[in-house]
Protein backbone atom coordinates (compact mmCIF):
# COMPACT_ATOMS: atom_id res chain seq x y z
CA MET A 1 0.00 0.00 0.00
CA ASN A 2 1.53 3.27 -1.13
CA ARG A 3 -0.13 6.47 0.02
CA GLN A 4 0.93 9.71 -1.59
CA PRO A 5 -0.49 13.18 -0.96
CA ASN A 6 -0.32 16.12 -3.28
CA ARG A 7 2.30 18.76 -2.60
CA THR A 8 0.88 21.19 -0.07
CA PRO A 9 3.13 24.21 0.57
CA SER A 10 1.01 25.43 3.46
CA SER A 11 1.46 22.25 5.49
CA ALA A 12 4.59 21.50 7.45
CA LEU A 13 6.03 18.92 9.82
CA SER A 14 8.55 20.29 12.26
CA ARG A 15 10.97 18.18 14.26
CA ARG A 16 8.14 17.52 16.71
CA SER A 17 5.79 14.66 15.95
CA ARG A 18 2.69 15.61 13.96
CA LEU A 19 -0.44 13.73 12.92
CA ALA A 20 -1.89 13.86 9.42
CA THR A 21 -5.53 12.99 8.84
CA THR A 22 -8.09 12.64 6.08
CA THR A 23 -11.79 12.27 6.84
CA SER A 24 -13.89 9.95 4.72
CA ALA A 25 -17.68 9.71 4.94
CA ILE A 26 -19.24 6.36 4.08
CA THR A 27 -22.65 4.72 4.34
CA LEU A 28 -23.49 1.64 6.40
CA ALA A 29 -24.75 -0.21 3.35
CA ALA A 30 -21.46 0.23 1.51
CA GLY A 31 -19.37 -1.08 4.42
CA LEU A 32 -16.27 0.44 5.96
CA CYS A 33 -13.35 1.81 3.98
CA ALA A 34 -10.63 4.35 4.78
CA SER A 35 -8.68 6.77 2.66
CA LEU A 36 -5.45 8.12 4.11
CA ALA A 37 -3.49 11.06 2.76
CA SER A 38 -0.55 12.90 4.29
CA PRO A 39 0.00 16.48 3.11
CA LEU A 40 3.37 16.85 4.85
CA ALA A 41 6.61 18.50 3.70
CA LEU A 42 10.41 19.13 4.40
CA ALA A 43 11.63 22.71 4.39
CA SER A 44 14.54 23.83 2.24
CA PRO A 45 17.51 25.06 4.30
CA ALA A 46 18.00 28.75 4.87
CA ASP A 47 21.24 28.74 2.87
CA PRO A 48 20.27 29.14 -0.84
CA ASP A 49 23.27 27.04 -1.92
CA ASP A 50 21.84 23.94 -0.22
CA LEU A 51 19.59 21.53 -2.05
CA PRO A 52 16.07 21.45 -0.60
CA VAL A 53 14.42 18.10 0.04
CA SER A 54 11.60 17.59 -2.47
CA ARG A 55 10.51 13.97 -1.96
CA ILE A 56 10.44 11.62 1.02
CA THR A 57 9.38 7.97 1.09
CA LEU A 58 9.04 6.30 4.49
CA TYR A 59 8.98 2.51 4.80
CA ARG A 60 7.87 0.11 7.51
CA SER A 61 11.36 -1.41 7.62
CA GLY A 62 12.73 1.59 9.52
CA VAL A 63 14.34 3.50 6.65
CA GLY A 64 13.38 6.51 4.59
CA SER A 65 14.33 7.61 1.09
CA PHE A 66 15.15 11.31 0.64
CA VAL A 67 15.51 13.20 -2.64
CA ARG A 68 17.01 16.69 -2.84
CA GLU A 69 16.55 18.69 -6.04
CA GLY A 70 17.78 22.12 -7.05
CA ALA A 71 20.01 24.12 -9.38
CA VAL A 72 23.71 24.97 -9.25
CA GLU A 73 25.69 27.62 -11.12
CA GLY A 74 29.11 26.78 -12.58
CA ASN A 75 31.44 25.01 -10.18
CA ALA A 76 29.55 24.63 -6.93
CA ASP A 77 30.05 23.00 -3.54
CA ILE A 78 26.99 21.76 -1.69
CA GLN A 79 27.35 21.02 2.02
CA LEU A 80 25.00 18.55 3.69
CA ARG A 81 24.92 17.74 7.41
CA PHE A 82 24.08 14.30 8.83
CA ARG A 83 24.23 12.65 12.19
CA THR A 84 27.26 10.44 12.62
CA ASP A 85 25.10 7.31 12.97
CA GLN A 86 23.54 8.08 9.54
CA ILE A 87 26.82 8.23 7.58
CA ASN A 88 26.94 4.46 6.97
CA ASP A 89 23.52 4.53 5.28
CA ILE A 90 24.49 7.62 3.26
CA LEU A 91 27.70 6.04 1.97
CA LYS A 92 25.98 2.87 0.80
CA SER A 93 22.96 4.51 -0.85
CA MET A 94 23.77 8.06 -2.04
CA VAL A 95 23.16 8.87 -5.71
CA VAL A 96 24.24 12.24 -7.20
CA LEU A 97 23.12 13.32 -10.71
CA ASP A 98 23.80 16.40 -12.87
CA PHE A 99 21.15 16.56 -15.59
CA ASP A 100 22.66 19.31 -17.79
CA GLY A 101 26.09 18.14 -18.83
CA GLY A 102 28.02 18.78 -15.63
CA ARG A 103 29.99 16.20 -13.73
CA ILE A 104 30.30 15.14 -10.12
CA GLU A 105 33.85 15.77 -8.98
CA GLY A 106 33.38 13.84 -5.74
CA ALA A 107 32.05 13.81 -2.22
CA THR A 108 34.29 14.41 0.79
CA TYR A 109 33.69 13.83 4.47
CA GLY A 110 35.69 13.61 7.67
CA SER A 111 37.13 10.14 8.13
CA LYS A 112 36.43 8.19 11.27
CA GLU A 113 39.60 6.64 12.58
CA PRO A 114 38.90 3.90 15.13
CA LEU A 115 39.26 5.32 18.63
CA SER A 116 41.39 2.41 19.80
CA ARG A 117 43.80 2.93 16.91
CA ARG A 118 43.94 6.68 17.51
CA LEU A 119 44.62 6.27 21.22
CA ALA A 120 47.30 3.68 20.53
CA SER A 121 49.22 6.28 18.50
CA PHE A 122 49.90 8.40 21.59
CA ALA A 123 52.89 7.88 23.86
CA VAL A 124 50.54 7.13 26.77
CA ASP A 125 47.98 4.40 26.04
CA ILE A 126 44.71 4.97 27.91
CA SER A 127 42.46 3.06 25.51
CA ASP A 128 41.45 0.47 28.14
CA ASN A 129 40.75 2.98 30.95
CA PRO A 130 43.77 2.04 33.12
CA GLY A 131 43.86 2.58 36.87
CA ARG A 132 46.59 4.43 38.73
CA ALA A 133 48.79 1.36 39.08
CA GLU A 134 48.47 0.45 35.40
CA LEU A 135 49.08 4.05 34.32
CA LEU A 136 52.21 4.34 36.46
CA GLU A 137 53.42 1.03 35.06
CA ARG A 138 52.99 2.30 31.49
CA LEU A 139 54.91 5.45 32.41
CA ARG A 140 57.94 3.41 33.46
CA GLY A 141 61.09 5.46 33.01
CA ALA A 142 59.29 8.82 33.05
CA ARG A 143 60.10 11.45 35.64
CA VAL A 144 57.19 12.16 37.97
CA SER A 145 56.44 14.02 41.15
CA VAL A 146 54.51 11.91 43.66
CA ARG A 147 52.74 13.42 46.67
CA THR A 148 51.74 11.33 49.69
CA SER A 149 50.73 12.17 53.23
CA GLU A 150 54.42 12.07 54.18
CA GLY A 151 55.52 14.60 51.57
CA GLU A 152 56.55 14.84 47.92
CA GLN A 153 59.12 12.80 46.02
CA GLN A 154 60.53 13.31 42.53
CA GLY A 155 62.23 10.70 40.42
CA SER A 156 61.99 8.26 37.55
CA ILE A 157 59.53 5.38 37.74
CA LEU A 158 61.47 2.15 38.22
CA GLY A 159 58.43 -0.10 38.15
CA VAL A 160 55.23 -1.21 39.83
CA GLU A 161 55.22 -4.37 41.95
CA ARG A 162 52.10 -6.27 42.99
CA GLN A 163 51.98 -8.42 46.12
CA ASN A 164 49.29 -10.53 47.73
CA VAL A 165 48.65 -9.46 51.33
CA VAL A 166 47.01 -11.96 53.71
CA TYR A 167 45.21 -10.48 56.73
CA PRO A 168 44.78 -12.31 60.08
CA GLN A 169 41.11 -12.91 59.30
CA GLY A 170 42.17 -14.87 56.21
CA GLN A 171 41.24 -12.22 53.67
CA GLN A 172 43.59 -11.60 50.76
CA GLU A 173 44.25 -8.42 48.83
CA THR A 174 46.55 -7.53 45.96
CA ARG A 175 48.42 -4.30 46.65
CA ALA A 176 50.56 -2.37 44.19
CA THR A 177 53.78 -0.61 45.14
CA VAL A 178 55.51 1.95 42.92
CA SER A 179 59.26 2.51 43.09
CA LEU A 180 61.06 5.70 42.05
CA VAL A 181 64.75 6.27 41.42
CA THR A 182 65.49 9.49 43.30
CA SER A 183 68.66 11.39 44.09
CA ALA A 184 68.66 9.73 47.52
CA GLY A 185 68.16 6.20 46.20
CA ILE A 186 65.18 3.93 45.61
CA TRP A 187 61.94 5.23 47.13
CA SER A 188 58.82 3.05 47.32
CA SER A 189 55.23 3.75 48.26
CA ASP A 190 51.92 1.98 48.21
CA VAL A 191 49.92 3.17 45.19
CA ASP A 192 46.77 3.54 47.31
CA SER A 193 48.58 6.02 49.57
CA ILE A 194 49.46 8.33 46.68
CA LEU A 195 47.38 11.51 46.87
CA SER A 196 48.44 12.86 43.47
CA PHE A 197 51.22 12.68 40.92
CA ARG A 198 52.22 14.73 37.90
CA LEU A 199 54.48 14.22 34.93
CA LEU A 200 57.66 16.29 34.90
CA ASP A 201 58.20 15.59 31.19
CA ASP A 202 56.25 18.31 29.35
CA ALA A 203 56.17 16.37 26.06
CA LEU A 204 54.79 13.26 27.75
CA ALA A 205 52.21 15.33 29.65
CA ALA A 206 51.11 16.89 26.34
CA GLU A 207 50.65 13.42 24.84
CA LEU A 208 48.44 12.42 27.77
CA ASN A 209 46.33 15.56 27.30
CA LYS A 210 45.98 14.84 23.57
CA ALA A 211 44.71 11.36 24.34
CA LEU A 212 42.12 12.80 26.73
CA VAL A 213 41.05 15.34 24.09
CA ALA A 214 40.62 12.51 21.59
CA LEU A 215 38.28 10.74 24.02
CA ALA A 216 36.22 13.89 24.50
CA GLU A 217 36.01 14.56 20.75
CA HIS A 218 34.86 11.00 20.12
CA ARG A 219 31.91 11.46 22.47
CA ALA A 220 30.99 14.90 21.09
CA ASP A 221 31.35 13.95 17.41
CA ASN A 222 27.61 13.69 16.68
CA VAL A 223 27.32 15.55 13.35
CA LYS A 224 29.32 15.05 10.15
CA THR A 225 29.49 17.28 7.07
CA LEU A 226 29.34 15.83 3.55
CA ASP A 227 30.65 18.15 0.80
CA LEU A 228 29.47 17.56 -2.79
CA ASN A 229 31.52 19.13 -5.58
CA PHE A 230 29.79 19.87 -8.89
CA GLN A 231 31.85 20.86 -11.96
CA GLY A 232 30.37 22.50 -15.06
CA SER A 233 29.28 25.75 -16.67
CA GLY A 234 26.01 27.65 -16.53
CA GLN A 235 22.96 26.85 -14.45
CA ARG A 236 22.19 23.14 -14.17
CA ASP A 237 19.57 20.99 -12.46
CA VAL A 238 21.00 18.46 -10.01
CA MET A 239 19.61 15.78 -7.74
CA VAL A 240 20.89 14.00 -4.63
CA GLY A 241 19.17 10.89 -3.28
CA TYR A 242 19.96 8.76 -0.25
CA VAL A 243 18.46 6.43 2.34
CA HIS A 244 18.96 6.51 6.09
CA GLU A 245 17.29 5.24 9.24
CA THR A 246 13.96 6.81 10.19
CA PRO A 247 11.26 5.98 12.73
CA VAL A 248 8.58 3.58 11.50
CA TRP A 249 5.42 5.46 10.57
CA LYS A 250 2.27 4.28 12.36
CA THR A 251 -1.48 4.35 11.77
CA SER A 252 -4.55 4.75 13.95
CA TYR A 253 -8.26 4.96 13.08
CA ARG A 254 -11.36 6.65 14.53
CA LEU A 255 -14.95 5.72 13.81
CA VAL A 256 -17.56 8.42 14.48
CA MET A 257 -21.03 6.86 14.86
CA PRO A 258 -24.12 8.78 13.64
CA GLU A 259 -26.66 10.04 16.13
CA GLU A 260 -29.65 8.79 14.13
CA ALA A 261 -30.18 5.52 12.31
CA GLY A 262 -29.59 5.73 8.59
CA ASP A 263 -27.15 8.62 8.79
CA ARG A 264 -23.68 8.24 7.43
CA LEU A 265 -20.82 7.41 9.76
CA THR A 266 -17.32 8.85 9.54
CA LEU A 267 -14.06 6.89 9.58
CA GLN A 268 -10.81 8.77 10.10
CA GLY A 269 -7.40 7.33 9.31
CA TRP A 270 -4.37 9.00 10.89
CA ALA A 271 -0.71 8.56 9.95
CA ILE A 272 1.79 9.23 12.73
CA VAL A 273 5.12 10.43 11.34
CA GLU A 274 8.12 11.58 13.40
CA ASN A 275 10.64 14.00 11.92
CA THR A 276 13.98 13.30 13.62
CA THR A 277 16.11 15.17 11.08
CA GLU A 278 17.67 18.59 11.63
CA GLU A 279 15.29 20.30 9.18
CA ASP A 280 11.62 21.14 9.21
CA TRP A 281 9.55 19.35 6.57
CA GLU A 282 7.78 21.78 4.27
CA ASP A 283 6.69 21.70 0.60
CA VAL A 284 7.71 18.05 0.19
CA ARG A 285 5.93 15.15 -1.50
CA LEU A 286 5.62 12.50 1.20
CA SER A 287 4.91 8.83 0.45
CA LEU A 288 4.07 6.28 3.14
CA VAL A 289 4.78 2.71 2.02
CA ALA A 290 3.29 -0.15 4.03
CA GLY A 291 5.67 -2.76 2.60
CA GLN A 292 8.88 -3.83 4.32
CA PRO A 293 11.75 -3.91 1.81
CA VAL A 294 14.95 -5.71 2.76
CA SER A 295 17.05 -3.45 4.97
CA PHE A 296 20.47 -4.03 6.49
CA THR A 297 23.34 -2.09 8.01
CA MET A 298 26.98 -2.08 6.93
CA ASP A 299 29.83 -0.14 8.51
CA LEU A 300 31.36 1.70 5.54
CA TYR A 301 32.31 4.73 7.59
CA GLU A 302 35.00 3.32 9.85
CA PRO A 303 38.31 2.54 8.09
CA VAL A 304 39.09 -1.16 7.77
CA TYR A 305 42.63 -2.42 8.17
CA ILE A 306 43.81 -5.90 7.17
CA THR A 307 46.42 -7.75 9.17
CA ARG A 308 49.12 -8.79 6.72
CA PRO A 309 51.31 -11.85 7.27
CA GLU A 310 54.87 -11.14 8.34
CA MET A 311 57.58 -12.67 6.17
CA PRO A 312 61.10 -13.21 7.55
CA VAL A 313 63.97 -11.39 5.90
CA PRO A 314 65.81 -13.92 3.70
CA THR A 315 69.40 -14.45 4.78
CA ALA A 316 72.10 -16.61 3.20
CA ALA A 317 74.66 -18.36 5.37
CA GLY A 318 78.32 -17.65 4.61
CA ALA A 319 80.14 -20.26 2.51
CA ARG A 320 82.29 -22.63 4.60
CA PRO A 321 85.66 -23.74 3.24
CA ARG A 322 85.63 -27.28 2.00
CA SER A 323 87.55 -29.71 4.25
CA TYR A 324 89.10 -33.01 3.28
CA ALA A 325 89.48 -36.05 5.48
CA GLY A 326 93.14 -36.61 4.61
CA GLY A 327 94.24 -33.02 4.48
CA ASP A 328 96.39 -33.20 7.64
CA ARG A 329 98.19 -36.46 6.97
CA PRO A 330 101.26 -34.95 5.31
CA VAL A 331 101.71 -32.58 8.24
CA ARG A 332 101.69 -35.41 10.78
CA GLN A 333 104.09 -37.38 8.65
CA GLU A 334 106.48 -34.43 8.50
CA ARG A 335 106.30 -34.08 12.29
CA ARG A 336 107.06 -37.77 12.79
CA CYS A 337 110.01 -37.53 10.44
CA ALA A 338 111.33 -34.49 12.25
CA GLY A 339 111.14 -36.39 15.54
CA VAL A 340 113.14 -39.30 14.20
CA LEU A 341 115.87 -37.02 13.00
C-alpha cells in the first residue's frame, strides 16, 4: 500500500511529531473503507546554496528515502549535514546526478579513525581505561612528582610491583607498590597512599592531554558534514538521493457513529510520522509505504585495516671452506720424520 499526498506548501512537519488525517464519509450499506493522505513536507535550508528536500518515502522497515533537487551555477560546492550514525547509510545509498552536462567531482567527508587505533598512537595508552597502578606502570622510566601524606618525592619510575597481602582474618588483597629512582636512592610507596602525581616531562604530559582530548572529541562527534563538488558551466539541475534510518510510521483509526439511524458514519485514518532530522519538513511530497523492503546495516564509515602476514627477511649463510678427510696427513708425517731425526 503506497499512500501519496499532493504537494501542499502550506502544510509542514517540524521536528516535533505531527499527525496527518483525512476524513472519509461512508454509508453503512457500503461497508467500511478508509482513505489516508498525508500532506506533509520538508523545508529547504535557509542557505540558498543547499539543495532542498523535495521527496520523502518512508517505509515500515525503519528507513526513509530522501531526494534533494535544485540548481547549481558553474562550479559549486553543496554542504550537507548528517548525524554520525547516519553516515553508513548515506555512503551505501547516495546517488548524485547532474542533468545538464556537468559532472560530479566527488564527495568528501571527515574520516572516522577507530578510537582504539587513535589512542594507541599516543605515547601514553589509555584506551582500556587504566587505573593508577596500570598508568604508572605504562609510564615506566618517566620522571614524575609523587605526593603522599608524608611529603613529595621526585624521580623516575622504576616499576610497579604487585603483592598478595594476607590479613589475620584470612582475607587476601593484591596491593601495588611503585618505586622511584630518586637522588637519595630507591623510594617506594603503596599506590593507594598516593594523593596525586604529575608528569615532569612536558612532552609526555602533552601526549596524555591529547589522548584525553581525543576521548572527548569522540563522544561529542555527533554531526558530520558531507561536501558535494559539482563541476560544469552555466545553471544546471542536479539531484541527490539517499536512504537513512527513520522511525517507523504508524497508523490509527477513529470511527464516528451517527446520532440517528440511517445517517452516514465517519471513519478517520491517521498517519503518525516523526521527523527526527535537523530540518523542518515543508513543501515536500511525502509517500508512506506499508511494505517492508529488505534493509540491512553495513559499517562503511570506519576505516578497515587488514592484518598482513609477516615474512622473515631472507638471509644466506656464509660459505664454509671445503675440508678433506686426509688433508692433515702430510703434516703429521712431517712431524714424525722431524722427531726421528
